[in-house]
Structure formats: C-alpha cells, structure tokens
C-alpha atoms as a PDB file:
ATOM      1  CA  MET A   1       0.098  -0.105   0.252  1.00  0.00           C
ATOM      2  CA  ALA A   2       0.999   3.652  -0.996  1.00  0.00           C
ATOM      3  CA  ALA A   3       2.227   5.453   2.109  1.00  0.00           C
ATOM      4  CA  ARG A   4      -1.224   8.359   2.189  1.00  0.00           C
ATOM      5  CA  SER A   5       0.109  11.975   2.025  1.00  0.00           C
ATOM      6  CA  LYS A   6      -0.765  14.889   4.475  1.00  0.00           C
ATOM      7  CA  SER A   7      -4.191  15.993   3.265  1.00  0.00           C
ATOM      8  CA  THR A   8      -4.891  19.822   1.784  1.00  0.00           C
ATOM      9  CA  PRO A   9      -6.987  22.168   4.149  1.00  0.00           C
ATOM     10  CA  ASP A  10      -9.292  21.912   1.840  1.00  0.00           C
ATOM     11  CA  GLU A  11      -9.843  18.278   2.727  1.00  0.00           C
ATOM     12  CA  THR A  12      -9.450  19.036   6.548  1.00  0.00           C
ATOM     13  CA  PRO A  13     -13.087  18.802   7.571  1.00  0.00           C
ATOM     14  CA  GLN A  14     -13.942  22.379   9.068  1.00  0.00           C
ATOM     15  CA  GLN A  15     -14.506  23.464  12.914  1.00  0.00           C
ATOM     16  CA  ALA A  16     -18.033  23.728  13.418  1.00  0.00           C
ATOM     17  CA  THR A  17     -19.435  27.684  13.238  1.00  0.00           C
ATOM     18  CA  PRO A  18     -22.338  28.494  14.244  1.00  0.00           C
ATOM     19  CA  GLU A  19     -24.367  30.038  10.804  1.00  0.00           C
ATOM     20  CA  GLN A  20     -25.221  33.717  11.267  1.00  0.00           C
ATOM     21  CA  PRO A  21     -28.969  33.903  11.104  1.00  0.00           C
ATOM     22  CA  ASN A  22     -30.057  35.897   7.747  1.00  0.00           C
ATOM     23  CA  ALA A  23     -30.864  39.534   8.568  1.00  0.00           C
ATOM     24  CA  ALA A  24     -33.760  39.756   6.475  1.00  0.00           C
ATOM     25  CA  VAL A  25     -35.375  37.117   8.223  1.00  0.00           C
ATOM     26  CA  ILE A  26     -34.822  38.381  11.818  1.00  0.00           C
ATOM     27  CA  ARG A  27     -37.703  39.603  13.673  1.00  0.00           C
ATOM     28  CA  THR A  28     -37.003  43.302  15.386  1.00  0.00           C
ATOM     29  CA  GLN A  29     -37.552  43.142  19.288  1.00  0.00           C
ATOM     30  CA  GLU A  30     -40.919  45.288  19.417  1.00  0.00           C
ATOM     31  CA  TYR A  31     -41.960  46.883  22.864  1.00  0.00           C
ATOM     32  CA  ASP A  32     -45.073  47.904  24.252  1.00  0.00           C
ATOM     33  CA  ALA A  33     -46.326  51.250  24.118  1.00  0.00           C
ATOM     34  CA  GLY A  34     -47.144  51.640  27.663  1.00  0.00           C
ATOM     35  CA  GLU A  35     -50.708  52.325  28.859  1.00  0.00           C
ATOM     36  CA  GLY A  36     -52.026  56.323  28.191  1.00  0.00           C
ATOM     37  CA  TRP A  37     -54.441  57.971  25.827  1.00  0.00           C
ATOM     38  CA  ALA A  38     -51.812  58.630  22.548  1.00  0.00           C
ATOM     39  CA  VAL A  39     -52.024  56.877  19.619  1.00  0.00           C
ATOM     40  CA  GLY A  40     -50.884  53.212  19.976  1.00  0.00           C
ATOM     41  CA  GLN A  41     -51.182  53.066  23.306  1.00  0.00           C
ATOM     42  CA  THR A  42     -53.124  50.578  25.717  1.00  0.00           C
ATOM     43  CA  ALA A  43     -56.232  51.988  27.434  1.00  0.00           C
ATOM     44  CA  PRO A  44     -55.776  52.321  31.163  1.00  0.00           C
ATOM     45  CA  GLN A  45     -59.853  52.588  31.512  1.00  0.00           C
ATOM     46  CA  ASP A  46     -63.118  51.949  29.652  1.00  0.00           C
ATOM     47  CA  ALA A  47     -64.468  55.607  28.199  1.00  0.00           C
ATOM     48  CA  TYR A  48     -67.699  56.442  27.530  1.00  0.00           C
ATOM     49  CA  ARG A  49     -69.391  59.247  26.290  1.00  0.00           C
ATOM     50  CA  LYS A  50     -73.370  59.929  27.207  1.00  0.00           C
ATOM     51  CA  LEU A  51     -75.591  59.873  23.950  1.00  0.00           C
ATOM     52  CA  ASP A  52     -77.976  62.822  22.971  1.00  0.00           C
ATOM     53  CA  ALA A  53     -81.199  62.015  24.959  1.00  0.00           C
ATOM     54  CA  ALA A  54     -83.452  63.700  22.326  1.00  0.00           C
ATOM     55  CA  GLY A  55     -83.086  61.171  19.538  1.00  0.00           C
ATOM     56  CA  THR A  56     -80.344  62.248  17.567  1.00  0.00           C
ATOM     57  CA  GLY A  57     -77.970  59.879  19.128  1.00  0.00           C
ATOM     58  CA  GLY A  58     -75.561  62.977  18.644  1.00  0.00           C
ATOM     59  CA  PRO A  59     -72.773  62.428  21.653  1.00  0.00           C
ATOM     60  CA  THR A  60     -72.942  65.566  24.346  1.00  0.00           C
ATOM     61  CA  GLY A  61     -70.833  65.890  27.552  1.00  0.00           C
ATOM     62  CA  PRO A  62     -67.858  64.469  28.906  1.00  0.00           C
ATOM     63  CA  VAL A  63     -65.851  61.084  28.784  1.00  0.00           C
ATOM     64  CA  VAL A  64     -66.760  59.670  31.626  1.00  0.00           C
ATOM     65  CA  HIS A  65     -65.362  55.988  32.839  1.00  0.00           C
ATOM     66  CA  THR A  66     -67.880  54.155  33.852  1.00  0.00           C
ATOM     67  CA  HIS A  67     -71.335  53.678  31.933  1.00  0.00           C
ATOM     68  CA  PRO A  68     -73.249  56.459  32.343  1.00  0.00           C
ATOM     69  CA  GLY A  69     -76.573  54.928  32.348  1.00  0.00           C
ATOM     70  CA  GLY A  70     -79.099  55.366  29.607  1.00  0.00           C
ATOM     71  CA  TYR A  71     -77.838  55.852  26.071  1.00  0.00           C
ATOM     72  CA  ALA A  72     -74.347  56.189  25.909  1.00  0.00           C
ATOM     73  CA  ARG A  73     -71.029  55.117  23.428  1.00  0.00           C
ATOM     74  CA  GLN A  74     -68.367  52.885  24.151  1.00  0.00           C
ATOM     75  CA  ILE A  75     -65.452  54.692  22.368  1.00  0.00           C
ATOM     76  CA  VAL A  76     -62.500  52.344  23.981  1.00  0.00           C
ATOM     77  CA  ALA A  77     -62.725  49.557  26.596  1.00  0.00           C
ATOM     78  CA  LYS A  78     -59.544  48.706  28.870  1.00  0.00           C
ATOM     79  CA  GLY A  79     -56.748  47.099  27.292  1.00  0.00           C
ATOM     80  CA  GLN A  80     -57.844  47.872  24.006  1.00  0.00           C
ATOM     81  CA  THR A  81     -55.173  50.504  21.456  1.00  0.00           C
ATOM     82  CA  ILE A  82     -56.075  53.137  21.240  1.00  0.00           C
ATOM     83  CA  THR A  83     -56.610  54.452  17.565  1.00  0.00           C
ATOM     84  CA  GLU A  84     -56.766  57.464  15.085  1.00  0.00           C
ATOM     85  CA  GLY A  85     -60.655  57.400  15.558  1.00  0.00           C
ATOM     86  CA  VAL A  86     -60.481  56.484  19.256  1.00  0.00           C
ATOM     87  CA  ARG A  87     -57.925  59.848  19.634  1.00  0.00           C
ATOM     88  CA  ARG A  88     -60.352  61.887  17.392  1.00  0.00           C
ATOM     89  CA  GLU A  89     -63.415  60.692  19.229  1.00  0.00           C
ATOM     90  CA  LEU A  90     -61.400  61.725  23.025  1.00  0.00           C
ATOM     91  CA  ASP A  91     -60.784  65.369  21.194  1.00  0.00           C
ATOM     92  CA  ALA A  92     -63.618  66.198  19.927  1.00  0.00           C
ATOM     93  CA  ALA A  93     -65.090  65.588  23.568  1.00  0.00           C
ATOM     94  CA  ASP A  94     -62.456  67.455  25.115  1.00  0.00           C
ATOM     95  CA  GLU A  95     -63.416  70.204  22.673  1.00  0.00           C
ATOM     96  CA  SER A  96     -66.910  70.283  23.787  1.00  0.00           C
ATOM     97  CA  ALA A  97     -66.177  70.347  27.256  1.00  0.00           C
ATOM     98  CA  ALA A  98     -64.060  73.477  26.381  1.00  0.00           C
ATOM     99  CA  GLU A  99     -67.000  74.790  24.733  1.00  0.00           C
ATOM    100  CA  GLY A 100     -69.468  74.381  27.483  1.00  0.00           C
ATOM    101  CA  GLU A 101     -67.294  75.683  29.767  1.00  0.00           C
ATOM    102  CA  GLN A 102     -66.803  79.102  27.878  1.00  0.00           C
ATOM    103  CA  GLY A 103     -70.362  79.546  26.943  1.00  0.00           C
END
C-alpha cells in the first residue's frame, strides 16, 4: 500500500462554526407602547360618552370611565389599543367640554 500524503486544507474537516442568521428574516424586537391615551398605547380604562337624549344619537357631555346610564357610546374598552378614531373622539369630547365651560 502506498503511504498516504498529508491532506490539503481543503480536505480537512471544517470546524463547526455557528451559522449567522439571515438579517432579512430576523424579527425586530417589539416594545409595548404602555398605557395611556396616545395613539398606539393601551387604554388604561373604559371610555364612554353619553348620547343625546333628544333621539338624534349625537354624543354629548364629557368622556366618563363608567357607563353613564341611559344611552351611551363606548369609545374604547380597557386594555385595547388607542387608534386614530378613538383619539379623534376623545379630542372632540375635550373640545365640546371646553366650549361648554366658555359658554
């Protein structure tokens, strides 16, 4: 039998190197926006607004955090995300409350 020559570097087994994950498939860390009344945050409480008793169904009065009795619209439930629409509704309630104080 012929003596075997030393193997070349291509023939030596490669050391196990951990594969680097593909950056395109790594999911970025998502952070909770926290509780609050800003868009993207989680509502800390329920928010309701009383509806017009005259039958038009228009919202009236300030935002309250418990059902005011009678007819009311729930703007957002506790623990749900504040959206643009919710924020608009809360801002509209604040504006009407400010107008009521001035007038």
